[in-house]
Amino acid sequence: MSAKDDLLLSMKTSVVDGNRAESERLARESLQAGLDPLESIDKGFAAGIQEVGVLWENGDYFLPELVASAECMKAAMAVLEPALSASSRQASRLGKAVIGTIEGDIHDIGKNLVSAMLQAHGFEVLDLGADVKLERFIEKAEAESARLICVSALLTTTMVNQKRLIELLHQRNVRSKYKVLVGGAPVNQAWADAIGADGYGENAMAAVRAAMALLARG
């Protein structure tokens, strides 16, 4: 195994192990060694987060492990993203996704997991954070020519704002421009169907699969 392969494997392992400091250190080491940052992401850190997703779905990993691994991915991306050229970033992305927790809701663990997973699978993620005003989702999507808007709600009192966001898209005559993906603890497929969302993610990996399917359909 070459030194590069060893480094890529170490990146993957750091994410699977949830070692944030090691992920950040390896990201910096890869830049110093002259590795293509895109390869480091795709074959190193993203490979790790994808394995974590499988372990989560199989019941071998639980929420603490998933959160730790997502933080590893985030730390590595913070180091590597600035080194990506515009051309290589564009070539590797499936499209732009605006994501945030809806207005009135400050919970962001689930949203952060989905953000990390989308990023790992090739999306350019524009994370607006938590307690995001409805207008902000649309303004960001318009400004960045995003194709996907992902909206999390962790409270029954705030999930109604997912419906209001879709209504606002209709009011502004831009609904057809975007695929809207909803999720969160109180959200289910029936709610997504009732409010006219394009997709629903029960968990982070399900959200990634739904996002990829939505954009594949055009």
C-alpha atoms as a PDB file:
ATOM      1  CA  MET A   1       0.000   0.000   0.000  1.00  0.00           C
ATOM      2  CA  SER A   2       1.350   3.423  -0.979  1.00  0.00           C
ATOM      3  CA  ALA A   3       1.812   6.345   1.414  1.00  0.00           C
ATOM      4  CA  LYS A   4      -1.168   8.056  -0.243  1.00  0.00           C
ATOM      5  CA  ASP A   5      -3.364   5.007   0.238  1.00  0.00           C
ATOM      6  CA  ASP A   6      -2.289   4.834   3.877  1.00  0.00           C
ATOM      7  CA  LEU A   7      -3.244   8.470   4.360  1.00  0.00           C
ATOM      8  CA  LEU A   8      -6.631   8.043   2.699  1.00  0.00           C
ATOM      9  CA  LEU A   9      -7.346   4.994   4.853  1.00  0.00           C
ATOM     10  CA  SER A  10      -6.364   6.950   7.961  1.00  0.00           C
ATOM     11  CA  MET A  11      -8.794   9.701   6.950  1.00  0.00           C
ATOM     12  CA  LYS A  12     -11.602   7.199   6.578  1.00  0.00           C
ATOM     13  CA  THR A  13     -10.744   5.558   9.909  1.00  0.00           C
ATOM     14  CA  SER A  14     -10.661   8.884  11.748  1.00  0.00           C
ATOM     15  CA  VAL A  15     -14.241   9.579  10.683  1.00  0.00           C
ATOM     16  CA  VAL A  16     -15.464   6.074  11.515  1.00  0.00           C
ATOM     17  CA  ASP A  17     -13.797   6.371  14.936  1.00  0.00           C
ATOM     18  CA  GLY A  18     -15.226   9.849  15.518  1.00  0.00           C
ATOM     19  CA  ASN A  19     -11.790  11.372  16.128  1.00  0.00           C
ATOM     20  CA  ARG A  20     -12.321  15.031  15.193  1.00  0.00           C
ATOM     21  CA  ALA A  21      -8.807  16.209  16.037  1.00  0.00           C
ATOM     22  CA  GLU A  22      -7.287  13.425  13.945  1.00  0.00           C
ATOM     23  CA  SER A  23      -9.545  14.207  10.981  1.00  0.00           C
ATOM     24  CA  GLU A  24      -8.501  17.851  11.065  1.00  0.00           C
ATOM     25  CA  ARG A  25      -4.822  16.925  11.424  1.00  0.00           C
ATOM     26  CA  LEU A  26      -4.996  14.490   8.503  1.00  0.00           C
ATOM     27  CA  ALA A  27      -6.724  17.076   6.328  1.00  0.00           C
ATOM     28  CA  ARG A  28      -3.861  19.500   6.944  1.00  0.00           C
ATOM     29  CA  GLU A  29      -1.300  16.745   6.392  1.00  0.00           C
ATOM     30  CA  SER A  30      -2.882  15.874   3.049  1.00  0.00           C
ATOM     31  CA  LEU A  31      -2.544  19.459   1.848  1.00  0.00           C
ATOM     32  CA  GLN A  32       1.079  19.586   2.959  1.00  0.00           C
ATOM     33  CA  ALA A  33       1.711  16.329   1.093  1.00  0.00           C
ATOM     34  CA  GLY A  34       0.219  17.795  -2.086  1.00  0.00           C
ATOM     35  CA  LEU A  35      -2.790  15.480  -2.309  1.00  0.00           C
ATOM     36  CA  ASP A  36      -5.716  16.609  -4.426  1.00  0.00           C
ATOM     37  CA  PRO A  37      -8.236  17.869  -1.837  1.00  0.00           C
ATOM     38  CA  LEU A  38     -11.067  16.448  -3.900  1.00  0.00           C
ATOM     39  CA  GLU A  39      -9.518  12.977  -3.688  1.00  0.00           C
ATOM     40  CA  SER A  40      -9.016  13.402   0.048  1.00  0.00           C
ATOM     41  CA  ILE A  41     -12.703  14.197   0.413  1.00  0.00           C
ATOM     42  CA  ASP A  42     -14.059  11.530  -1.917  1.00  0.00           C
ATOM     43  CA  LYS A  43     -11.743   8.615  -1.094  1.00  0.00           C
ATOM     44  CA  GLY A  44     -10.885   9.525   2.480  1.00  0.00           C
ATOM     45  CA  PHE A  45     -13.323  11.418   4.652  1.00  0.00           C
ATOM     46  CA  ALA A  46     -16.477  10.869   2.585  1.00  0.00           C
ATOM     47  CA  ALA A  47     -15.742   7.145   2.434  1.00  0.00           C
ATOM     48  CA  GLY A  48     -15.679   7.214   6.214  1.00  0.00           C
ATOM     49  CA  ILE A  49     -18.973   9.059   6.629  1.00  0.00           C
ATOM     50  CA  GLN A  50     -20.599   6.726   4.116  1.00  0.00           C
ATOM     51  CA  GLU A  51     -19.450   3.723   6.152  1.00  0.00           C
ATOM     52  CA  VAL A  52     -20.811   5.388   9.271  1.00  0.00           C
ATOM     53  CA  GLY A  53     -24.158   5.763   7.499  1.00  0.00           C
ATOM     54  CA  VAL A  54     -24.234   2.026   6.826  1.00  0.00           C
ATOM     55  CA  LEU A  55     -23.320   1.251  10.445  1.00  0.00           C
ATOM     56  CA  TRP A  56     -26.119   3.589  11.593  1.00  0.00           C
ATOM     57  CA  GLU A  57     -28.697   1.960   9.362  1.00  0.00           C
ATOM     58  CA  ASN A  58     -27.595  -1.516  10.474  1.00  0.00           C
ATOM     59  CA  GLY A  59     -28.023  -0.544  14.117  1.00  0.00           C
ATOM     60  CA  ASP A  60     -24.317  -0.843  14.901  1.00  0.00           C
ATOM     61  CA  TYR A  61     -23.896   2.917  15.498  1.00  0.00           C
ATOM     62  CA  PHE A  62     -26.148   5.202  17.489  1.00  0.00           C
ATOM     63  CA  LEU A  63     -26.738   8.950  17.633  1.00  0.00           C
ATOM     64  CA  PRO A  64     -23.575   9.832  19.615  1.00  0.00           C
ATOM     65  CA  GLU A  65     -21.359   8.035  17.086  1.00  0.00           C
ATOM     66  CA  LEU A  66     -23.216   9.597  14.187  1.00  0.00           C
ATOM     67  CA  VAL A  67     -22.844  13.091  15.640  1.00  0.00           C
ATOM     68  CA  ALA A  68     -19.125  12.554  16.337  1.00  0.00           C
ATOM     69  CA  SER A  69     -18.478  11.352  12.791  1.00  0.00           C
ATOM     70  CA  ALA A  70     -20.422  14.246  11.300  1.00  0.00           C
ATOM     71  CA  GLU A  71     -18.250  16.632  13.318  1.00  0.00           C
ATOM     72  CA  CYS A  72     -15.146  14.922  11.904  1.00  0.00           C
ATOM     73  CA  MET A  73     -16.414  15.456   8.371  1.00  0.00           C
ATOM     74  CA  LYS A  74     -17.180  19.081   9.142  1.00  0.00           C
ATOM     75  CA  ALA A  75     -13.707  19.705  10.580  1.00  0.00           C
ATOM     76  CA  ALA A  76     -11.993  18.115   7.590  1.00  0.00           C
ATOM     77  CA  MET A  77     -14.127  20.030   5.101  1.00  0.00           C
ATOM     78  CA  ALA A  78     -13.319  23.323   6.850  1.00  0.00           C
ATOM     79  CA  VAL A  79      -9.640  22.655   6.111  1.00  0.00           C
ATOM     80  CA  LEU A  80     -10.029  21.281   2.588  1.00  0.00           C
ATOM     81  CA  GLU A  81     -12.808  23.395   1.055  1.00  0.00           C
ATOM     82  CA  PRO A  82     -10.680  26.555   0.630  1.00  0.00           C
ATOM     83  CA  ALA A  83      -8.142  24.516  -1.326  1.00  0.00           C
ATOM     84  CA  LEU A  84     -10.666  23.286  -3.853  1.00  0.00           C
ATOM     85  CA  SER A  85     -10.571  25.178  -7.111  1.00  0.00           C
ATOM     86  CA  ALA A  86     -13.880  26.418  -8.483  1.00  0.00           C
ATOM     87  CA  SER A  87     -13.631  24.034 -11.406  1.00  0.00           C
ATOM     88  CA  SER A  88     -12.936  20.926  -9.358  1.00  0.00           C
ATOM     89  CA  ARG A  89     -15.656  21.823  -6.871  1.00  0.00           C
ATOM     90  CA  GLN A  90     -18.180  22.239  -9.627  1.00  0.00           C
ATOM     91  CA  ALA A  91     -17.132  19.013 -11.319  1.00  0.00           C
ATOM     92  CA  SER A  92     -17.648  17.004  -8.136  1.00  0.00           C
ATOM     93  CA  ARG A  93     -21.020  18.386  -7.102  1.00  0.00           C
ATOM     94  CA  LEU A  94     -24.477  17.069  -7.807  1.00  0.00           C
ATOM     95  CA  GLY A  95     -25.897  20.533  -7.287  1.00  0.00           C
ATOM     96  CA  LYS A  96     -26.430  23.152  -4.610  1.00  0.00           C
ATOM     97  CA  ALA A  97     -28.594  22.457  -1.595  1.00  0.00           C
ATOM     98  CA  VAL A  98     -29.826  25.125   0.814  1.00  0.00           C
ATOM     99  CA  ILE A  99     -30.448  23.647   4.254  1.00  0.00           C
ATOM    100  CA  GLY A 100     -31.585  24.974   7.608  1.00  0.00           C
ATOM    101  CA  THR A 101     -33.792  24.449  10.643  1.00  0.00           C
ATOM    102  CA  ILE A 102     -37.028  26.351  10.222  1.00  0.00           C
ATOM    103  CA  GLU A 103     -37.935  29.637  11.890  1.00  0.00           C
ATOM    104  CA  GLY A 104     -38.761  29.293  15.592  1.00  0.00           C
ATOM    105  CA  ASP A 105     -36.697  26.128  16.047  1.00  0.00           C
ATOM    106  CA  ILE A 106     -33.136  26.175  17.410  1.00  0.00           C
ATOM    107  CA  HIS A 107     -32.439  22.424  17.205  1.00  0.00           C
ATOM    108  CA  ASP A 108     -29.728  21.572  14.709  1.00  0.00           C
ATOM    109  CA  ILE A 109     -28.189  18.144  15.416  1.00  0.00           C
ATOM    110  CA  GLY A 110     -30.302  16.369  12.816  1.00  0.00           C
ATOM    111  CA  LYS A 111     -29.859  19.180  10.325  1.00  0.00           C
ATOM    112  CA  ASN A 112     -26.091  19.084  10.823  1.00  0.00           C
ATOM    113  CA  LEU A 113     -26.026  15.348  10.145  1.00  0.00           C
ATOM    114  CA  VAL A 114     -27.989  15.739   6.931  1.00  0.00           C
ATOM    115  CA  SER A 115     -25.729  18.619   5.897  1.00  0.00           C
ATOM    116  CA  ALA A 116     -22.592  16.528   6.440  1.00  0.00           C
ATOM    117  CA  MET A 117     -24.062  13.525   4.622  1.00  0.00           C
ATOM    118  CA  LEU A 118     -25.185  15.610   1.634  1.00  0.00           C
ATOM    119  CA  GLN A 119     -21.737  17.172   1.442  1.00  0.00           C
ATOM    120  CA  ALA A 120     -20.095  13.754   1.595  1.00  0.00           C
ATOM    121  CA  HIS A 121     -22.207  12.507  -1.288  1.00  0.00           C
ATOM    122  CA  GLY A 122     -21.362  15.333  -3.682  1.00  0.00           C
ATOM    123  CA  PHE A 123     -23.694  18.233  -2.947  1.00  0.00           C
ATOM    124  CA  GLU A 124     -22.515  21.784  -2.421  1.00  0.00           C
ATOM    125  CA  VAL A 125     -24.278  22.546   0.851  1.00  0.00           C
ATOM    126  CA  LEU A 126     -25.319  26.056   1.862  1.00  0.00           C
ATOM    127  CA  ASP A 127     -26.105  25.684   5.560  1.00  0.00           C
ATOM    128  CA  LEU A 128     -28.149  28.571   6.975  1.00  0.00           C
ATOM    129  CA  GLY A 129     -28.095  27.237  10.550  1.00  0.00           C
ATOM    130  CA  ALA A 130     -31.098  27.157  12.882  1.00  0.00           C
ATOM    131  CA  ASP A 131     -34.124  29.423  13.392  1.00  0.00           C
ATOM    132  CA  VAL A 132     -34.034  30.432   9.719  1.00  0.00           C
ATOM    133  CA  LYS A 133     -36.711  32.816   8.465  1.00  0.00           C
ATOM    134  CA  LEU A 134     -38.804  31.548   5.564  1.00  0.00           C
ATOM    135  CA  GLU A 135     -37.689  34.343   3.283  1.00  0.00           C
ATOM    136  CA  ARG A 136     -34.040  33.518   3.929  1.00  0.00           C
ATOM    137  CA  PHE A 137     -34.378  30.023   2.443  1.00  0.00           C
ATOM    138  CA  ILE A 138     -35.764  31.479  -0.763  1.00  0.00           C
ATOM    139  CA  GLU A 139     -33.336  34.396  -0.931  1.00  0.00           C
ATOM    140  CA  LYS A 140     -30.344  32.068  -0.556  1.00  0.00           C
ATOM    141  CA  ALA A 141     -31.671  29.579  -3.087  1.00  0.00           C
ATOM    142  CA  GLU A 142     -32.296  32.398  -5.579  1.00  0.00           C
ATOM    143  CA  ALA A 143     -28.901  34.010  -5.017  1.00  0.00           C
ATOM    144  CA  GLU A 144     -26.981  30.737  -5.347  1.00  0.00           C
ATOM    145  CA  SER A 145     -29.123  29.111  -8.062  1.00  0.00           C
ATOM    146  CA  ALA A 146     -29.682  26.144  -5.773  1.00  0.00           C
ATOM    147  CA  ARG A 147     -31.859  23.265  -6.929  1.00  0.00           C
ATOM    148  CA  LEU A 148     -32.751  21.840  -3.535  1.00  0.00           C
ATOM    149  CA  ILE A 149     -34.168  23.363  -0.336  1.00  0.00           C
ATOM    150  CA  CYS A 150     -33.946  21.151   2.760  1.00  0.00           C
ATOM    151  CA  VAL A 151     -36.015  22.178   5.768  1.00  0.00           C
ATOM    152  CA  SER A 152     -35.755  20.614   9.224  1.00  0.00           C
ATOM    153  CA  ALA A 153     -38.269  21.011  12.061  1.00  0.00           C
ATOM    154  CA  LEU A 154     -37.843  19.318  15.439  1.00  0.00           C
ATOM    155  CA  LEU A 155     -41.002  20.650  17.103  1.00  0.00           C
ATOM    156  CA  THR A 156     -44.667  20.123  16.318  1.00  0.00           C
ATOM    157  CA  THR A 157     -45.141  23.858  16.866  1.00  0.00           C
ATOM    158  CA  THR A 158     -42.620  24.770  14.166  1.00  0.00           C
ATOM    159  CA  MET A 159     -43.269  22.085  11.552  1.00  0.00           C
ATOM    160  CA  VAL A 160     -46.193  24.158  10.266  1.00  0.00           C
ATOM    161  CA  ASN A 161     -43.589  26.618   8.986  1.00  0.00           C
ATOM    162  CA  GLN A 162     -42.483  23.993   6.479  1.00  0.00           C
ATOM    163  CA  LYS A 163     -45.958  24.297   4.980  1.00  0.00           C
ATOM    164  CA  ARG A 164     -45.729  28.092   5.051  1.00  0.00           C
ATOM    165  CA  LEU A 165     -42.413  27.984   3.211  1.00  0.00           C
ATOM    166  CA  ILE A 166     -43.953  26.013   0.375  1.00  0.00           C
ATOM    167  CA  GLU A 167     -46.888  28.409   0.294  1.00  0.00           C
ATOM    168  CA  LEU A 168     -44.454  31.323   0.086  1.00  0.00           C
ATOM    169  CA  LEU A 169     -42.661  29.693  -2.839  1.00  0.00           C
ATOM    170  CA  HIS A 170     -46.015  29.489  -4.630  1.00  0.00           C
ATOM    171  CA  GLN A 171     -46.825  33.105  -3.771  1.00  0.00           C
ATOM    172  CA  ARG A 172     -43.546  34.227  -5.295  1.00  0.00           C
ATOM    173  CA  ASN A 173     -44.145  32.070  -8.394  1.00  0.00           C
ATOM    174  CA  VAL A 174     -40.881  30.164  -7.928  1.00  0.00           C
ATOM    175  CA  ARG A 175     -42.173  26.838  -6.593  1.00  0.00           C
ATOM    176  CA  SER A 176     -41.330  24.954  -9.773  1.00  0.00           C
ATOM    177  CA  LYS A 177     -37.670  26.009  -9.577  1.00  0.00           C
ATOM    178  CA  TYR A 178     -36.922  24.019  -6.417  1.00  0.00           C
ATOM    179  CA  LYS A 179     -37.217  20.564  -4.957  1.00  0.00           C
ATOM    180  CA  VAL A 180     -38.223  20.860  -1.294  1.00  0.00           C
ATOM    181  CA  LEU A 181     -37.107  18.128   1.106  1.00  0.00           C
ATOM    182  CA  VAL A 182     -38.484  18.095   4.662  1.00  0.00           C
ATOM    183  CA  GLY A 183     -37.496  16.191   7.781  1.00  0.00           C
ATOM    184  CA  GLY A 184     -37.322  16.246  11.566  1.00  0.00           C
ATOM    185  CA  ALA A 185     -38.610  14.254  14.536  1.00  0.00           C
ATOM    186  CA  PRO A 186     -42.346  15.106  14.196  1.00  0.00           C
ATOM    187  CA  VAL A 187     -42.306  14.991  10.378  1.00  0.00           C
ATOM    188  CA  ASN A 188     -43.421  11.958   8.364  1.00  0.00           C
ATOM    189  CA  GLN A 189     -44.297  11.046   4.808  1.00  0.00           C
ATOM    190  CA  ALA A 190     -47.971  11.844   5.310  1.00  0.00           C
ATOM    191  CA  TRP A 191     -47.084  15.380   6.435  1.00  0.00           C
ATOM    192  CA  ALA A 192     -44.715  15.830   3.495  1.00  0.00           C
ATOM    193  CA  ASP A 193     -47.467  14.740   1.107  1.00  0.00           C
ATOM    194  CA  ALA A 194     -50.059  16.966   2.793  1.00  0.00           C
ATOM    195  CA  ILE A 195     -47.984  20.145   2.486  1.00  0.00           C
ATOM    196  CA  GLY A 196     -46.832  19.434  -1.060  1.00  0.00           C
ATOM    197  CA  ALA A 197     -43.158  18.774  -0.331  1.00  0.00           C
ATOM    198  CA  ASP A 198     -41.197  16.918  -2.989  1.00  0.00           C
ATOM    199  CA  GLY A 199     -39.503  14.545  -0.578  1.00  0.00           C
ATOM    200  CA  TYR A 200     -39.073  13.399   3.011  1.00  0.00           C
ATOM    201  CA  GLY A 201     -36.037  12.087   4.883  1.00  0.00           C
ATOM    202  CA  GLU A 202     -36.662   9.898   7.925  1.00  0.00           C
ATOM    203  CA  ASN A 203     -32.973  10.082   8.837  1.00  0.00           C
ATOM    204  CA  ALA A 204     -29.753  11.477   7.396  1.00  0.00           C
ATOM    205  CA  MET A 205     -29.069   8.637   4.964  1.00  0.00           C
ATOM    206  CA  ALA A 206     -32.699   8.547   3.840  1.00  0.00           C
ATOM    207  CA  ALA A 207     -32.514  12.293   3.219  1.00  0.00           C
ATOM    208  CA  VAL A 208     -29.451  11.836   1.009  1.00  0.00           C
ATOM    209  CA  ARG A 209     -31.161   9.113  -1.008  1.00  0.00           C
ATOM    210  CA  ALA A 210     -34.278  11.279  -1.395  1.00  0.00           C
ATOM    211  CA  ALA A 211     -32.219  14.292  -2.465  1.00  0.00           C
ATOM    212  CA  MET A 212     -30.332  12.299  -5.085  1.00  0.00           C
ATOM    213  CA  ALA A 213     -33.553  10.772  -6.415  1.00  0.00           C
ATOM    214  CA  LEU A 214     -35.259  14.175  -6.635  1.00  0.00           C
ATOM    215  CA  LEU A 215     -32.456  15.758  -8.623  1.00  0.00           C
ATOM    216  CA  ALA A 216     -32.093  12.699 -10.837  1.00  0.00           C
ATOM    217  CA  ARG A 217     -35.736  13.158 -11.865  1.00  0.00           C
ATOM    218  CA  GLY A 218     -34.975  16.771 -12.836  1.00  0.00           C
END
